[in-house]
Amino acid sequence: MAELPDPLESTATPRQVLSVSALNRRARQLLETHLPLLWVEGELTNFSCPASGHWYFTLRTSTPRCGRRCFTRNRLLNLRPVSGQQVLVRGRIGLYEPRGDYQPIVDHMEPVGQGLLQRRFDELKARLAAEGLFDIARKRALPTLPRGLGVVTSPTGAAIQDVLRVLRRRFPALPVFIYPTPAG
C-alpha cells in the first residue's frame, strides 16, 4: 500500500525552521518597524524602582494588560508615578528576546484625569468625614513637650547613633523607641 503524502508538507518550498532566539529576534524587528511610536492610556500597577534606576510597571485597563513589564527611561520624565495612577504614556514597543515578552519602552508619561489612588483617597476622606473624625470638637491641642519619640530605622546604622547622641545632649529626659528595620 502506498503512503499518502502529508498535507502539511509542501514539496514546492522547503521548511524554514527557526530557533526560538531567531523567532524572538524577528518578532522584535517587526514590532519595532511597524509600531514605531505609540500613545497608550492605562492604569499603572506593580510599580517598582530597583537599583538599576529604571522604573518597571505593568500598564493595564480592567483586565487586559500591556506587556508583562514596561520600563522607562525615568530621567526624561517629570512625574513620579505610583501604582493605581491613570496615565498616558508615549513610547516604542520592544521585545525582550530572552523571555519573548514585549514591553513598551516609555519616554513620556503624564497623569490622566483622576487616578484610582486619588479616587480611593477621596472616598476614604469622605467616609471618615461622615464618621465625624475631622470635626473641630474632636481635635486635641498638641502637648507642649512630647512624651516620647519613635524612630523606624536600622538599629545598627550610623545615622541612628548620631540622632541618639544629639537627643542625649539636647533632651536627655525624652524616651526614644526604636522600631528596627533591615539595613539597606
N, C-alpha and C. Protein backbone atom coordinates (compact mmCIF):
# COMPACT_ATOMS: atom_id res chain seq x y z
N MET A 1 0.84 -1.17 0.00
CA MET A 1 0.00 0.00 0.00
C MET A 1 0.88 1.24 0.00
N ALA A 2 0.59 2.18 -0.86
CA ALA A 2 1.39 3.40 -1.00
C ALA A 2 1.09 4.36 0.15
N GLU A 3 2.14 5.04 0.61
CA GLU A 3 1.98 6.02 1.69
C GLU A 3 1.42 7.31 1.13
N LEU A 4 0.42 7.88 1.84
CA LEU A 4 -0.16 9.15 1.41
C LEU A 4 0.75 10.30 1.82
N PRO A 5 0.87 11.33 0.99
CA PRO A 5 1.72 12.47 1.35
C PRO A 5 1.09 13.27 2.50
N ASP A 6 1.94 13.81 3.33
CA ASP A 6 1.50 14.65 4.46
C ASP A 6 0.98 15.97 3.89
N PRO A 7 -0.29 16.33 4.15
CA PRO A 7 -0.83 17.57 3.57
C PRO A 7 -0.11 18.82 4.09
N LEU A 8 0.54 18.72 5.25
CA LEU A 8 1.25 19.88 5.77
C LEU A 8 2.63 20.04 5.13
N GLU A 9 3.10 18.98 4.50
CA GLU A 9 4.40 19.04 3.81
C GLU A 9 4.19 19.63 2.43
N SER A 10 4.93 20.66 2.13
CA SER A 10 4.86 21.24 0.80
C SER A 10 6.13 20.85 0.06
N THR A 11 5.95 20.26 -1.09
CA THR A 11 7.13 19.87 -1.85
C THR A 11 7.68 21.05 -2.63
N ALA A 12 6.86 22.10 -2.80
CA ALA A 12 7.29 23.26 -3.59
C ALA A 12 8.30 24.12 -2.81
N THR A 13 8.10 24.29 -1.53
CA THR A 13 9.02 25.14 -0.75
C THR A 13 9.55 24.34 0.43
N PRO A 14 10.83 24.44 0.66
CA PRO A 14 11.41 23.72 1.81
C PRO A 14 11.00 24.41 3.12
N ARG A 15 11.01 23.65 4.19
CA ARG A 15 10.68 24.20 5.50
C ARG A 15 11.74 25.21 5.93
N GLN A 16 11.25 26.25 6.57
CA GLN A 16 12.18 27.20 7.17
C GLN A 16 12.01 27.06 8.68
N VAL A 17 12.93 26.43 9.32
CA VAL A 17 12.85 26.16 10.75
C VAL A 17 13.65 27.23 11.47
N LEU A 18 13.01 27.88 12.45
CA LEU A 18 13.66 28.93 13.23
C LEU A 18 13.94 28.44 14.64
N SER A 19 15.01 28.92 15.21
CA SER A 19 15.23 28.69 16.63
C SER A 19 14.35 29.68 17.39
N VAL A 20 14.15 29.46 18.67
CA VAL A 20 13.35 30.39 19.48
C VAL A 20 14.00 31.76 19.47
N SER A 21 15.34 31.81 19.55
CA SER A 21 16.02 33.11 19.53
C SER A 21 15.78 33.84 18.21
N ALA A 22 15.85 33.13 17.11
CA ALA A 22 15.62 33.76 15.80
C ALA A 22 14.18 34.24 15.69
N LEU A 23 13.23 33.47 16.19
CA LEU A 23 11.83 33.89 16.18
C LEU A 23 11.65 35.17 16.99
N ASN A 24 12.21 35.21 18.20
CA ASN A 24 12.09 36.40 19.04
C ASN A 24 12.77 37.61 18.39
N ARG A 25 13.91 37.38 17.74
CA ARG A 25 14.60 38.48 17.06
C ARG A 25 13.73 39.04 15.94
N ARG A 26 13.12 38.15 15.14
CA ARG A 26 12.23 38.60 14.06
C ARG A 26 11.02 39.34 14.61
N ALA A 27 10.44 38.82 15.69
CA ALA A 27 9.27 39.47 16.29
C ALA A 27 9.65 40.87 16.79
N ARG A 28 10.83 40.99 17.41
CA ARG A 28 11.29 42.30 17.88
C ARG A 28 11.45 43.26 16.71
N GLN A 29 12.05 42.79 15.63
CA GLN A 29 12.25 43.64 14.45
C GLN A 29 10.91 44.08 13.86
N LEU A 30 9.95 43.17 13.79
CA LEU A 30 8.62 43.52 13.27
C LEU A 30 7.93 44.57 14.14
N LEU A 31 7.96 44.35 15.46
CA LEU A 31 7.34 45.30 16.38
C LEU A 31 7.98 46.68 16.25
N GLU A 32 9.29 46.72 16.25
CA GLU A 32 9.99 48.00 16.21
C GLU A 32 9.81 48.71 14.87
N THR A 33 9.64 47.95 13.79
CA THR A 33 9.48 48.55 12.46
C THR A 33 8.05 49.03 12.23
N HIS A 34 7.07 48.21 12.62
CA HIS A 34 5.68 48.53 12.27
C HIS A 34 4.92 49.28 13.36
N LEU A 35 5.46 49.36 14.54
CA LEU A 35 4.83 50.13 15.62
C LEU A 35 5.89 51.08 16.20
N PRO A 36 6.30 52.07 15.40
CA PRO A 36 7.44 52.88 15.82
C PRO A 36 7.19 53.77 17.05
N LEU A 37 6.07 54.46 17.16
CA LEU A 37 5.82 55.35 18.29
C LEU A 37 4.33 55.30 18.62
N LEU A 38 4.01 55.01 19.87
CA LEU A 38 2.62 54.81 20.26
C LEU A 38 2.27 55.65 21.49
N TRP A 39 1.00 56.00 21.61
CA TRP A 39 0.44 56.59 22.82
C TRP A 39 -0.52 55.55 23.39
N VAL A 40 -0.40 55.25 24.67
CA VAL A 40 -1.25 54.26 25.33
C VAL A 40 -1.72 54.83 26.65
N GLU A 41 -3.00 54.64 26.95
CA GLU A 41 -3.55 55.08 28.23
C GLU A 41 -3.92 53.87 29.06
N GLY A 42 -3.63 53.93 30.36
CA GLY A 42 -3.98 52.83 31.23
C GLY A 42 -3.61 53.15 32.67
N GLU A 43 -3.83 52.16 33.52
CA GLU A 43 -3.53 52.29 34.94
C GLU A 43 -2.21 51.61 35.24
N LEU A 44 -1.36 52.29 36.00
CA LEU A 44 -0.08 51.71 36.42
C LEU A 44 -0.32 50.72 37.54
N THR A 45 0.27 49.54 37.43
CA THR A 45 0.23 48.57 38.53
C THR A 45 1.63 47.98 38.69
N ASN A 46 1.88 47.39 39.83
CA ASN A 46 3.15 46.72 40.12
C ASN A 46 4.36 47.63 39.90
N PHE A 47 4.23 48.90 40.27
CA PHE A 47 5.33 49.85 40.07
C PHE A 47 6.50 49.50 40.98
N SER A 48 7.71 49.50 40.43
CA SER A 48 8.91 49.30 41.24
C SER A 48 10.05 50.12 40.66
N CYS A 49 10.97 50.47 41.54
CA CYS A 49 12.12 51.26 41.14
C CYS A 49 13.37 50.61 41.74
N PRO A 50 13.92 49.59 41.07
CA PRO A 50 15.10 48.91 41.61
C PRO A 50 16.36 49.78 41.47
N ALA A 51 17.45 49.26 41.97
CA ALA A 51 18.72 49.99 41.97
C ALA A 51 19.22 50.31 40.57
N SER A 52 18.73 49.62 39.56
CA SER A 52 19.17 49.88 38.18
C SER A 52 18.81 51.28 37.73
N GLY A 53 17.81 51.89 38.39
CA GLY A 53 17.38 53.24 38.01
C GLY A 53 16.20 53.23 37.06
N HIS A 54 15.90 52.10 36.45
CA HIS A 54 14.72 52.03 35.58
C HIS A 54 13.48 51.90 36.44
N TRP A 55 12.36 52.34 35.90
CA TRP A 55 11.07 52.12 36.55
C TRP A 55 10.39 50.98 35.82
N TYR A 56 9.93 49.99 36.55
CA TYR A 56 9.23 48.85 35.97
C TYR A 56 7.78 48.90 36.43
N PHE A 57 6.87 48.61 35.53
CA PHE A 57 5.45 48.62 35.87
C PHE A 57 4.68 47.87 34.81
N THR A 58 3.44 47.56 35.13
CA THR A 58 2.51 46.99 34.17
C THR A 58 1.49 48.07 33.87
N LEU A 59 1.11 48.20 32.63
CA LEU A 59 0.10 49.15 32.21
C LEU A 59 -1.12 48.35 31.82
N ARG A 60 -2.28 48.67 32.43
CA ARG A 60 -3.45 47.84 32.16
C ARG A 60 -4.73 48.66 32.17
N THR A 61 -5.77 48.06 31.56
CA THR A 61 -7.12 48.53 31.72
C THR A 61 -7.78 47.53 32.64
N SER A 62 -9.09 47.37 32.61
CA SER A 62 -9.73 46.49 33.59
C SER A 62 -9.14 45.08 33.62
N THR A 63 -9.04 44.39 32.50
CA THR A 63 -8.41 43.07 32.52
C THR A 63 -7.20 42.95 31.60
N PRO A 64 -7.23 43.49 30.37
CA PRO A 64 -6.03 43.32 29.56
C PRO A 64 -4.87 44.15 30.10
N ARG A 65 -3.67 43.65 29.87
CA ARG A 65 -2.51 44.42 30.30
C ARG A 65 -1.55 44.55 29.13
N CYS A 66 -0.73 45.55 29.20
CA CYS A 66 0.21 45.84 28.13
C CYS A 66 1.56 45.26 28.52
N GLY A 67 1.88 44.13 27.94
CA GLY A 67 3.15 43.50 28.25
C GLY A 67 3.18 43.02 29.69
N ARG A 68 4.17 42.25 30.02
CA ARG A 68 4.34 41.83 31.40
C ARG A 68 4.95 42.94 32.21
N ARG A 69 5.91 43.60 31.63
CA ARG A 69 6.62 44.67 32.32
C ARG A 69 6.87 45.79 31.32
N CYS A 70 6.66 46.99 31.75
CA CYS A 70 7.05 48.16 30.97
C CYS A 70 8.23 48.77 31.71
N PHE A 71 9.11 49.40 31.01
CA PHE A 71 10.12 50.13 31.74
C PHE A 71 10.35 51.45 31.05
N THR A 72 10.92 52.35 31.79
CA THR A 72 11.03 53.71 31.30
C THR A 72 12.41 54.27 31.57
N ARG A 73 12.78 55.18 30.75
CA ARG A 73 14.00 55.96 30.99
C ARG A 73 13.56 57.13 31.85
N ASN A 74 13.50 56.92 33.16
CA ASN A 74 12.85 57.86 34.07
C ASN A 74 13.54 59.20 34.19
N ARG A 75 14.77 59.33 33.76
CA ARG A 75 15.43 60.63 33.85
C ARG A 75 14.76 61.65 32.92
N LEU A 76 14.05 61.16 31.91
CA LEU A 76 13.41 62.04 30.95
C LEU A 76 12.02 62.49 31.41
N LEU A 77 11.52 61.94 32.52
CA LEU A 77 10.15 62.20 32.93
C LEU A 77 10.08 63.20 34.07
N ASN A 78 8.99 63.95 34.11
CA ASN A 78 8.76 64.92 35.18
C ASN A 78 7.71 64.42 36.16
N LEU A 79 7.49 63.15 36.23
CA LEU A 79 6.42 62.57 37.03
C LEU A 79 6.98 61.44 37.87
N ARG A 80 6.57 61.36 39.11
CA ARG A 80 6.93 60.21 39.96
C ARG A 80 5.68 59.36 40.07
N PRO A 81 5.58 58.30 39.27
CA PRO A 81 4.35 57.51 39.24
C PRO A 81 4.17 56.65 40.48
N VAL A 82 2.92 56.28 40.73
CA VAL A 82 2.57 55.36 41.81
C VAL A 82 1.56 54.36 41.26
N SER A 83 1.57 53.16 41.81
CA SER A 83 0.61 52.15 41.37
C SER A 83 -0.80 52.67 41.60
N GLY A 84 -1.68 52.40 40.65
CA GLY A 84 -3.07 52.85 40.74
C GLY A 84 -3.32 54.14 39.99
N GLN A 85 -2.27 54.81 39.55
CA GLN A 85 -2.41 56.09 38.86
C GLN A 85 -2.78 55.85 37.40
N GLN A 86 -3.70 56.66 36.89
CA GLN A 86 -4.10 56.60 35.49
C GLN A 86 -3.14 57.50 34.71
N VAL A 87 -2.51 56.96 33.66
CA VAL A 87 -1.51 57.72 32.92
C VAL A 87 -1.67 57.55 31.42
N LEU A 88 -1.09 58.48 30.71
CA LEU A 88 -0.95 58.41 29.26
C LEU A 88 0.55 58.33 29.00
N VAL A 89 0.97 57.30 28.27
CA VAL A 89 2.40 57.12 28.02
C VAL A 89 2.67 57.14 26.52
N ARG A 90 3.86 57.60 26.18
CA ARG A 90 4.32 57.55 24.80
C ARG A 90 5.61 56.76 24.78
N GLY A 91 5.73 55.87 23.82
CA GLY A 91 6.96 55.10 23.74
C GLY A 91 6.97 54.20 22.53
N ARG A 92 7.98 53.41 22.50
CA ARG A 92 8.16 52.44 21.42
C ARG A 92 7.98 51.05 22.01
N ILE A 93 7.62 50.13 21.15
CA ILE A 93 7.46 48.74 21.59
C ILE A 93 8.78 48.01 21.38
N GLY A 94 9.20 47.31 22.40
CA GLY A 94 10.39 46.48 22.31
C GLY A 94 10.03 45.06 22.68
N LEU A 95 10.92 44.16 22.43
CA LEU A 95 10.70 42.78 22.81
C LEU A 95 11.96 42.31 23.53
N TYR A 96 11.78 41.82 24.73
CA TYR A 96 12.89 41.28 25.49
C TYR A 96 13.11 39.86 25.00
N GLU A 97 14.10 39.69 24.15
CA GLU A 97 14.30 38.42 23.45
C GLU A 97 14.49 37.20 24.35
N PRO A 98 15.25 37.28 25.45
CA PRO A 98 15.43 36.06 26.25
C PRO A 98 14.12 35.46 26.77
N ARG A 99 13.12 36.30 27.05
CA ARG A 99 11.85 35.77 27.56
C ARG A 99 10.74 35.81 26.52
N GLY A 100 10.94 36.53 25.44
CA GLY A 100 9.89 36.65 24.44
C GLY A 100 8.75 37.56 24.88
N ASP A 101 9.01 38.45 25.83
CA ASP A 101 7.99 39.38 26.33
C ASP A 101 8.11 40.70 25.60
N TYR A 102 6.96 41.22 25.13
CA TYR A 102 7.02 42.55 24.55
C TYR A 102 6.73 43.55 25.64
N GLN A 103 7.32 44.73 25.49
CA GLN A 103 7.17 45.75 26.52
C GLN A 103 7.33 47.13 25.91
N PRO A 104 6.46 48.06 26.30
CA PRO A 104 6.67 49.44 25.88
C PRO A 104 7.91 50.01 26.57
N ILE A 105 8.68 50.76 25.83
CA ILE A 105 9.82 51.49 26.39
C ILE A 105 9.37 52.95 26.39
N VAL A 106 9.01 53.42 27.56
CA VAL A 106 8.33 54.70 27.71
C VAL A 106 9.33 55.85 27.77
N ASP A 107 9.05 56.91 26.99
CA ASP A 107 9.90 58.10 27.08
C ASP A 107 9.12 59.33 27.53
N HIS A 108 7.80 59.20 27.68
CA HIS A 108 6.98 60.31 28.17
C HIS A 108 5.79 59.72 28.94
N MET A 109 5.47 60.34 30.07
CA MET A 109 4.33 59.88 30.88
C MET A 109 3.67 61.10 31.50
N GLU A 110 2.34 61.12 31.45
CA GLU A 110 1.61 62.21 32.09
C GLU A 110 0.36 61.65 32.75
N PRO A 111 -0.07 62.27 33.86
CA PRO A 111 -1.28 61.79 34.53
C PRO A 111 -2.51 62.08 33.68
N VAL A 112 -3.51 61.22 33.81
CA VAL A 112 -4.76 61.39 33.08
C VAL A 112 -5.89 61.43 34.09
N GLY A 113 -6.67 62.50 34.06
CA GLY A 113 -7.84 62.57 34.93
C GLY A 113 -7.52 62.25 36.37
N GLN A 114 -8.43 61.59 36.99
CA GLN A 114 -8.29 61.22 38.40
C GLN A 114 -7.97 59.74 38.47
N GLY A 115 -6.81 59.42 38.96
CA GLY A 115 -6.37 58.03 39.04
C GLY A 115 -7.07 57.28 40.16
N LEU A 116 -6.90 55.99 40.17
CA LEU A 116 -7.53 55.11 41.14
C LEU A 116 -7.13 55.46 42.57
N LEU A 117 -5.85 55.71 42.82
CA LEU A 117 -5.42 56.04 44.18
C LEU A 117 -6.06 57.33 44.68
N GLN A 118 -6.16 58.34 43.82
CA GLN A 118 -6.80 59.59 44.23
C GLN A 118 -8.28 59.35 44.55
N ARG A 119 -8.94 58.55 43.73
CA ARG A 119 -10.36 58.25 44.00
C ARG A 119 -10.51 57.53 45.33
N ARG A 120 -9.63 56.55 45.59
CA ARG A 120 -9.70 55.82 46.87
C ARG A 120 -9.44 56.75 48.04
N PHE A 121 -8.47 57.65 47.90
CA PHE A 121 -8.18 58.62 48.96
C PHE A 121 -9.39 59.50 49.22
N ASP A 122 -10.01 60.02 48.17
CA ASP A 122 -11.18 60.88 48.33
C ASP A 122 -12.34 60.13 48.96
N GLU A 123 -12.54 58.85 48.57
CA GLU A 123 -13.60 58.05 49.19
C GLU A 123 -13.34 57.82 50.67
N LEU A 124 -12.10 57.52 51.04
CA LEU A 124 -11.74 57.33 52.44
C LEU A 124 -11.94 58.62 53.22
N LYS A 125 -11.51 59.72 52.66
CA LYS A 125 -11.65 61.02 53.33
C LYS A 125 -13.14 61.34 53.55
N ALA A 126 -13.97 61.08 52.55
CA ALA A 126 -15.41 61.34 52.69
C ALA A 126 -16.02 60.43 53.76
N ARG A 127 -15.61 59.14 53.79
CA ARG A 127 -16.13 58.22 54.79
C ARG A 127 -15.73 58.64 56.21
N LEU A 128 -14.47 59.02 56.38
CA LEU A 128 -14.00 59.46 57.70
C LEU A 128 -14.68 60.77 58.12
N ALA A 129 -14.92 61.66 57.16
CA ALA A 129 -15.63 62.90 57.47
C ALA A 129 -17.06 62.60 57.89
N ALA A 130 -17.71 61.64 57.22
CA ALA A 130 -19.08 61.26 57.58
C ALA A 130 -19.14 60.66 58.98
N GLU A 131 -18.05 60.01 59.42
CA GLU A 131 -17.98 59.47 60.77
C GLU A 131 -17.66 60.55 61.80
N GLY A 132 -17.39 61.77 61.33
CA GLY A 132 -17.11 62.87 62.24
C GLY A 132 -15.68 62.96 62.72
N LEU A 133 -14.78 62.25 62.08
CA LEU A 133 -13.40 62.21 62.55
C LEU A 133 -12.61 63.50 62.26
N PHE A 134 -13.15 64.38 61.43
CA PHE A 134 -12.47 65.64 61.16
C PHE A 134 -13.13 66.82 61.86
N ASP A 135 -14.12 66.55 62.73
CA ASP A 135 -14.82 67.63 63.43
C ASP A 135 -13.86 68.39 64.34
N ILE A 136 -14.00 69.69 64.38
CA ILE A 136 -13.16 70.55 65.21
C ILE A 136 -13.29 70.16 66.68
N ALA A 137 -14.48 69.77 67.11
CA ALA A 137 -14.71 69.42 68.52
C ALA A 137 -13.88 68.22 68.95
N ARG A 138 -13.50 67.36 68.03
CA ARG A 138 -12.72 66.17 68.36
C ARG A 138 -11.22 66.44 68.46
N LYS A 139 -10.79 67.58 67.94
CA LYS A 139 -9.35 67.85 67.91
C LYS A 139 -8.84 68.20 69.29
N ARG A 140 -7.65 67.68 69.58
CA ARG A 140 -6.99 68.00 70.85
C ARG A 140 -5.78 68.87 70.58
N ALA A 141 -5.44 69.68 71.55
CA ALA A 141 -4.26 70.53 71.41
C ALA A 141 -3.00 69.67 71.47
N LEU A 142 -1.99 70.08 70.76
CA LEU A 142 -0.72 69.37 70.81
C LEU A 142 -0.07 69.59 72.17
N PRO A 143 0.59 68.59 72.72
CA PRO A 143 1.25 68.79 74.01
C PRO A 143 2.45 69.73 73.86
N THR A 144 2.78 70.40 74.95
CA THR A 144 3.91 71.32 74.92
C THR A 144 5.20 70.56 74.66
N LEU A 145 5.36 69.43 75.34
CA LEU A 145 6.54 68.59 75.15
C LEU A 145 6.08 67.18 74.76
N PRO A 146 6.84 66.55 73.89
CA PRO A 146 6.46 65.17 73.51
C PRO A 146 6.72 64.21 74.67
N ARG A 147 5.90 63.15 74.73
CA ARG A 147 6.08 62.13 75.78
C ARG A 147 7.09 61.07 75.36
N GLY A 148 7.40 61.00 74.09
CA GLY A 148 8.36 60.03 73.60
C GLY A 148 8.59 60.25 72.11
N LEU A 149 9.63 59.61 71.59
CA LEU A 149 9.96 59.73 70.18
C LEU A 149 10.15 58.33 69.62
N GLY A 150 9.41 58.01 68.55
CA GLY A 150 9.55 56.72 67.88
C GLY A 150 10.35 56.89 66.61
N VAL A 151 11.33 56.02 66.40
CA VAL A 151 12.18 56.08 65.22
C VAL A 151 12.16 54.70 64.55
N VAL A 152 11.80 54.69 63.26
CA VAL A 152 11.81 53.46 62.48
C VAL A 152 13.08 53.47 61.65
N THR A 153 14.02 52.60 61.98
CA THR A 153 15.31 52.61 61.32
C THR A 153 16.07 51.32 61.61
N SER A 154 17.21 51.19 60.99
CA SER A 154 18.10 50.09 61.32
C SER A 154 18.79 50.44 62.63
N PRO A 155 18.71 49.59 63.64
CA PRO A 155 19.31 49.94 64.94
C PRO A 155 20.84 49.92 64.91
N THR A 156 21.44 49.40 63.85
CA THR A 156 22.89 49.32 63.81
C THR A 156 23.52 50.38 62.92
N GLY A 157 22.73 51.24 62.31
CA GLY A 157 23.26 52.23 61.38
C GLY A 157 23.92 53.40 62.09
N ALA A 158 24.78 54.10 61.38
CA ALA A 158 25.47 55.26 61.94
C ALA A 158 24.50 56.42 62.15
N ALA A 159 23.48 56.54 61.31
CA ALA A 159 22.56 57.66 61.42
C ALA A 159 21.81 57.65 62.75
N ILE A 160 21.34 56.49 63.20
CA ILE A 160 20.60 56.44 64.46
C ILE A 160 21.51 56.77 65.63
N GLN A 161 22.78 56.41 65.53
CA GLN A 161 23.73 56.74 66.60
C GLN A 161 23.90 58.25 66.70
N ASP A 162 23.94 58.95 65.56
CA ASP A 162 24.03 60.41 65.56
C ASP A 162 22.78 61.02 66.18
N VAL A 163 21.61 60.50 65.82
CA VAL A 163 20.34 61.02 66.37
C VAL A 163 20.31 60.82 67.88
N LEU A 164 20.68 59.65 68.36
CA LEU A 164 20.66 59.38 69.80
C LEU A 164 21.65 60.28 70.54
N ARG A 165 22.81 60.51 69.97
CA ARG A 165 23.81 61.37 70.60
C ARG A 165 23.27 62.80 70.76
N VAL A 166 22.65 63.32 69.71
CA VAL A 166 22.10 64.68 69.76
C VAL A 166 20.95 64.74 70.77
N LEU A 167 20.09 63.72 70.77
CA LEU A 167 18.96 63.71 71.72
C LEU A 167 19.46 63.65 73.17
N ARG A 168 20.47 62.86 73.45
CA ARG A 168 21.01 62.79 74.82
C ARG A 168 21.56 64.14 75.27
N ARG A 169 22.14 64.86 74.32
CA ARG A 169 22.71 66.16 74.65
C ARG A 169 21.63 67.23 74.81
N ARG A 170 20.62 67.24 73.92
CA ARG A 170 19.62 68.32 73.92
C ARG A 170 18.38 68.03 74.77
N PHE A 171 17.98 66.77 74.88
CA PHE A 171 16.74 66.44 75.57
C PHE A 171 16.89 65.06 76.22
N PRO A 172 17.72 64.95 77.26
CA PRO A 172 18.05 63.64 77.84
C PRO A 172 16.85 62.93 78.48
N ALA A 173 15.80 63.64 78.86
CA ALA A 173 14.65 63.02 79.52
C ALA A 173 13.66 62.39 78.54
N LEU A 174 13.84 62.62 77.26
CA LEU A 174 12.90 62.12 76.25
C LEU A 174 13.12 60.63 76.00
N PRO A 175 12.10 59.80 76.24
CA PRO A 175 12.24 58.38 75.91
C PRO A 175 12.23 58.18 74.39
N VAL A 176 13.15 57.34 73.91
CA VAL A 176 13.25 57.06 72.47
C VAL A 176 12.94 55.58 72.25
N PHE A 177 12.01 55.32 71.33
CA PHE A 177 11.61 53.96 71.00
C PHE A 177 12.08 53.67 69.58
N ILE A 178 12.94 52.67 69.44
CA ILE A 178 13.46 52.31 68.11
C ILE A 178 12.71 51.09 67.61
N TYR A 179 12.13 51.23 66.43
CA TYR A 179 11.43 50.13 65.77
C TYR A 179 12.34 49.65 64.64
N PRO A 180 12.99 48.50 64.81
CA PRO A 180 14.02 48.08 63.86
C PRO A 180 13.48 47.66 62.50
N THR A 181 14.24 47.99 61.49
CA THR A 181 14.00 47.57 60.11
C THR A 181 15.31 47.02 59.57
N PRO A 182 15.27 46.21 58.54
CA PRO A 182 16.53 45.73 57.96
C PRO A 182 17.34 46.87 57.37
N ALA A 183 18.64 46.79 57.47
CA ALA A 183 19.51 47.79 56.85
C ALA A 183 19.44 47.66 55.35
N GLY A 184 19.64 48.72 54.65
CA GLY A 184 19.67 48.61 53.21
C GLY A 184 19.10 49.75 52.59
